[in-house]
Amino acid sequence: MNAIEKNKLKVILVITSILALVFTAIVGVEYLDKKRKDRALKYYEEIAITVTLADMLEMELEYSDNTGKSWIITNQNESFTDIVSQDIAGYISEKKVAFITTKS
């Protein structure tokens, strides 16, 4: 094998490696995006009943985030369903790291 063939082989290996890395990155991003959407759907399924009841009964909900901060919200200005929808949309669009959890 002469020097030209070795250089061609190196170029082919480098291009193949780069393409494999790009493919892996694309598949990884798609996988993480799907997992994020699945978590959002599961969160909505878990909290939908609580939020709907709190809206209908005009209750207060205690919210807490992933850092441990807690606060109480009432549905005077907007419905709890809208708040949860905004929470889910922010999570799916990656503007939020975690969901807000509720305690009734």
Protein backbone atom coordinates (compact mmCIF):
# COMPACT_ATOMS: atom_id res chain seq x y z
CA MET A 1 0.00 0.00 0.00
CA ASN A 2 1.56 3.27 -1.06
CA ALA A 3 1.25 6.70 0.55
CA ILE A 4 -1.60 7.91 -1.71
CA GLU A 5 -3.76 4.90 -0.87
CA LYS A 6 -3.07 5.39 2.83
CA ASN A 7 -4.10 9.04 2.62
CA LYS A 8 -7.29 8.10 0.77
CA LEU A 9 -8.06 5.49 3.43
CA LYS A 10 -7.48 8.05 6.20
CA VAL A 11 -9.79 10.55 4.49
CA ILE A 12 -12.49 7.89 4.07
CA LEU A 13 -12.18 6.90 7.74
CA VAL A 14 -12.36 10.52 8.90
CA ILE A 15 -15.43 11.25 6.75
CA THR A 16 -17.12 8.03 7.92
CA SER A 17 -16.38 8.89 11.55
CA ILE A 18 -17.78 12.41 11.17
CA LEU A 19 -20.93 11.10 9.48
CA ALA A 20 -21.38 8.52 12.24
CA LEU A 21 -21.04 11.22 14.91
CA VAL A 22 -23.54 13.48 13.14
CA PHE A 23 -26.01 10.61 12.80
CA THR A 24 -25.59 9.69 16.47
CA ALA A 25 -26.13 13.31 17.52
CA ILE A 26 -29.30 13.61 15.42
CA VAL A 27 -30.72 10.35 16.76
CA GLY A 28 -29.80 11.36 20.33
CA VAL A 29 -31.52 14.73 20.04
CA GLU A 30 -34.65 13.12 18.62
CA TYR A 31 -34.66 10.53 21.41
CA LEU A 32 -34.32 13.17 24.12
CA ASP A 33 -37.04 15.27 22.51
CA LYS A 34 -39.40 12.30 22.44
CA LYS A 35 -38.63 11.48 26.09
CA ARG A 36 -39.34 15.11 27.04
CA LYS A 37 -42.73 15.00 25.27
CA ASP A 38 -43.56 11.64 26.87
CA ARG A 39 -42.76 13.06 30.32
CA ALA A 40 -44.98 16.06 29.60
CA LEU A 41 -47.87 13.80 28.58
CA LYS A 42 -47.42 11.66 31.70
CA TYR A 43 -47.33 14.79 33.87
CA TYR A 44 -50.55 16.05 32.28
CA GLU A 45 -52.27 12.70 32.81
CA GLU A 46 -51.26 12.69 36.48
CA ILE A 47 -52.29 16.25 37.25
CA ALA A 48 -55.33 16.76 34.98
CA ILE A 49 -57.91 15.52 37.49
CA THR A 50 -56.50 17.56 40.37
CA VAL A 51 -56.34 20.72 38.28
CA THR A 52 -59.85 20.28 36.88
CA LEU A 53 -61.31 19.72 40.33
CA ALA A 54 -59.43 22.68 41.78
CA ASP A 55 -60.79 24.85 38.96
CA MET A 56 -64.36 23.68 39.45
CA LEU A 57 -64.28 23.96 43.25
CA GLU A 58 -62.31 27.23 43.18
CA MET A 59 -59.67 25.84 45.50
CA GLU A 60 -56.14 27.04 46.07
CA LEU A 61 -53.19 24.94 44.94
CA GLU A 62 -49.79 24.81 46.53
CA TYR A 63 -47.07 24.71 43.90
CA SER A 64 -43.45 23.81 44.34
CA ASP A 65 -40.59 23.74 41.87
CA ASN A 66 -37.52 21.54 41.61
CA THR A 67 -35.52 23.90 43.85
CA GLY A 68 -37.93 23.51 46.77
CA LYS A 69 -39.64 26.90 46.55
CA SER A 70 -43.35 26.73 47.38
CA TRP A 71 -46.19 29.14 46.82
CA ILE A 72 -49.97 29.10 46.78
CA ILE A 73 -51.94 30.18 43.75
CA THR A 74 -55.60 30.90 43.30
CA ASN A 75 -57.55 30.89 40.07
CA GLN A 76 -58.65 34.52 40.27
CA ASN A 77 -56.87 35.67 37.12
CA GLU A 78 -56.53 32.52 35.02
CA SER A 79 -57.58 28.91 35.31
CA PHE A 80 -55.30 26.24 36.71
CA THR A 81 -55.64 24.42 33.39
CA ASP A 82 -54.05 27.39 31.63
CA ILE A 83 -51.25 27.48 34.18
CA VAL A 84 -50.55 23.77 33.69
CA SER A 85 -50.68 24.18 29.90
CA GLN A 86 -48.11 26.97 30.10
CA ASP A 87 -45.97 24.79 32.36
CA ILE A 88 -46.08 21.91 29.88
CA ALA A 89 -45.40 24.16 26.88
CA GLY A 90 -42.39 25.68 28.64
CA TYR A 91 -41.05 22.24 29.46
CA ILE A 92 -41.49 20.90 25.92
CA SER A 93 -39.84 23.98 24.39
CA GLU A 94 -36.95 23.49 26.87
CA LYS A 95 -37.46 26.87 28.53
CA LYS A 96 -38.08 25.02 31.81
CA VAL A 97 -35.98 22.31 33.36
CA ALA A 98 -38.69 20.65 35.43
CA PHE A 99 -42.41 20.72 36.04
CA ILE A 100 -44.11 22.55 38.84
CA THR A 101 -45.71 20.06 41.22
CA THR A 102 -48.96 20.66 43.00
CA LYS A 103 -50.31 19.79 46.40
CA SER A 104 -54.00 20.27 46.99
